[in-house]
Amino acid sequence: MQVTGITANLSVPDIGAARDFYVDYLGLSVEAFNMGWVARYQSPDGQAVVQLVTRDATAPQDSVISIHVGDDIDEAYEEAKKRGFEIVHPLTTEAWGLRRFFVRAPDGNLINVTSHKDA
């Protein structure tokens, strides 16, 4: 598996209310997407990225980070199972086209492993 990116997933009660801080103060001026329950903001050069999450729409719990693995998503899923890591959300193709699964790291953090080809 090759990790192509890592994005922090910050829990917020209201994306619109949080937006001012991350956009106006921190300068993350590009809204890559906003699905109502999750929005990604980034710097114009794409080097700084954060996702604001109110509550994951399809998974049973919220993750702390998203790990982007491109085409290696099946390999990453099988390796997590082989190593005996807890799978919290099975490998799923979501309605919006994203393939992902949630795995619990040994330290207890919940990780969203995704197949973003563009991230």
Protein backbone atom coordinates (compact mmCIF):
# COMPACT_ATOMS: atom_id res chain seq x y z
CA MET A 1 0.00 0.00 0.00
CA GLN A 2 1.24 3.46 -0.86
CA VAL A 3 -0.17 6.41 1.06
CA THR A 4 -0.67 9.39 -1.25
CA GLY A 5 -2.08 11.84 1.27
CA ILE A 6 -3.33 12.37 4.81
CA THR A 7 -6.15 14.73 5.77
CA ALA A 8 -7.15 15.73 9.30
CA ASN A 9 -10.86 15.22 10.02
CA LEU A 10 -11.94 17.80 12.58
CA SER A 11 -15.19 17.27 14.43
CA VAL A 12 -17.31 20.44 14.39
CA PRO A 13 -20.92 21.03 15.41
CA ASP A 14 -21.63 23.30 12.42
CA ILE A 15 -19.55 23.53 9.24
CA GLY A 16 -20.85 26.98 8.33
CA ALA A 17 -19.93 28.41 11.72
CA ALA A 18 -16.48 26.79 11.66
CA ARG A 19 -15.81 27.88 8.09
CA ASP A 20 -15.01 31.49 9.04
CA PHE A 21 -12.09 30.44 11.23
CA TYR A 22 -10.56 28.04 8.71
CA VAL A 23 -11.18 30.22 5.66
CA ASP A 24 -11.01 33.81 6.88
CA TYR A 25 -8.39 33.40 9.62
CA LEU A 26 -6.24 30.48 8.43
CA GLY A 27 -6.60 31.29 4.73
CA LEU A 28 -7.79 27.87 3.55
CA SER A 29 -9.71 29.58 0.80
CA VAL A 30 -10.47 26.71 -1.55
CA GLU A 31 -13.60 24.70 -0.74
CA ALA A 32 -12.79 21.42 -2.50
CA PHE A 33 -16.24 20.05 -1.66
CA ASN A 34 -19.08 20.47 0.82
CA MET A 35 -21.60 17.66 1.30
CA GLY A 36 -23.33 19.32 4.24
CA TRP A 37 -21.91 16.90 6.81
CA VAL A 38 -18.31 17.06 5.57
CA ALA A 39 -16.41 19.84 3.81
CA ARG A 40 -12.79 20.04 2.68
CA TYR A 41 -10.87 23.30 2.73
CA GLN A 42 -7.37 23.80 1.44
CA SER A 43 -4.79 26.43 0.72
CA PRO A 44 -4.61 27.69 -2.87
CA ASP A 45 -1.46 25.62 -3.47
CA GLY A 46 -3.12 22.48 -2.06
CA GLN A 47 -0.39 21.94 0.54
CA ALA A 48 -2.60 22.54 3.60
CA VAL A 49 -5.85 20.58 3.82
CA VAL A 50 -8.47 19.98 6.51
CA GLN A 51 -11.88 18.34 6.52
CA LEU A 52 -14.62 19.57 8.83
CA VAL A 53 -17.05 16.81 9.82
CA THR A 54 -20.30 17.16 11.75
CA ARG A 55 -21.19 13.45 11.71
CA ASP A 56 -20.21 10.83 9.14
CA ALA A 57 -23.25 10.12 6.97
CA THR A 58 -22.67 6.39 6.42
CA ALA A 59 -20.16 5.10 8.99
CA PRO A 60 -21.03 4.21 12.59
CA GLN A 61 -18.34 6.49 14.05
CA ASP A 62 -16.27 9.48 13.00
CA SER A 63 -12.63 9.13 12.00
CA VAL A 64 -9.77 11.38 13.08
CA ILE A 65 -7.86 11.28 9.79
CA SER A 66 -8.36 10.14 6.22
CA ILE A 67 -5.55 8.19 4.58
CA HIS A 68 -5.60 8.33 0.79
CA VAL A 69 -4.26 5.20 -0.94
CA GLY A 70 -5.45 5.58 -4.54
CA ASP A 71 -5.77 2.25 -6.33
CA ASP A 72 -4.33 0.33 -3.34
CA ILE A 73 -7.62 0.33 -1.38
CA ASP A 74 -8.28 -3.42 -1.78
CA GLU A 75 -4.71 -4.26 -0.77
CA ALA A 76 -4.96 -1.95 2.26
CA TYR A 77 -8.23 -3.57 3.35
CA GLU A 78 -6.88 -7.11 3.05
CA GLU A 79 -3.70 -6.17 4.91
CA ALA A 80 -5.67 -4.62 7.78
CA LYS A 81 -7.77 -7.79 8.09
CA LYS A 82 -4.68 -10.00 7.86
CA ARG A 83 -3.04 -8.08 10.70
CA GLY A 84 -6.17 -8.48 12.84
CA PHE A 85 -6.99 -4.78 13.08
CA GLU A 86 -10.60 -3.94 13.97
CA ILE A 87 -12.59 -2.99 10.87
CA VAL A 88 -15.23 -0.52 12.05
CA HIS A 89 -16.76 0.23 8.63
CA PRO A 90 -16.25 -2.41 5.89
CA LEU A 91 -14.84 -1.66 2.46
CA THR A 92 -17.70 0.17 0.81
CA THR A 93 -18.32 2.10 -2.38
CA GLU A 94 -20.26 5.08 -1.10
CA ALA A 95 -23.14 6.67 -3.01
CA TRP A 96 -20.88 9.61 -3.96
CA GLY A 97 -18.34 7.26 -5.59
CA LEU A 98 -15.68 7.06 -2.89
CA ARG A 99 -14.34 3.62 -1.87
CA ARG A 100 -13.33 3.46 1.77
CA PHE A 101 -13.18 1.56 5.02
CA PHE A 102 -12.55 2.49 8.66
CA VAL A 103 -9.90 0.69 10.68
CA ARG A 104 -9.06 1.18 14.35
CA ALA A 105 -5.36 1.78 14.98
CA PRO A 106 -3.83 -0.04 17.95
CA ASP A 107 -3.79 3.31 19.82
CA GLY A 108 -7.58 3.53 19.50
CA ASN A 109 -7.78 6.19 16.78
CA LEU A 110 -10.26 5.55 14.00
CA ILE A 111 -8.74 5.89 10.51
CA ASN A 112 -10.70 6.41 7.29
CA VAL A 113 -8.77 4.68 4.48
CA THR A 114 -9.95 6.04 1.12
CA SER A 115 -9.39 5.64 -2.60
CA HIS A 116 -9.19 9.27 -3.64
CA LYS A 117 -7.31 9.17 -6.92
CA ASP A 118 -7.02 12.96 -6.87
CA ALA A 119 -5.61 13.35 -3.36
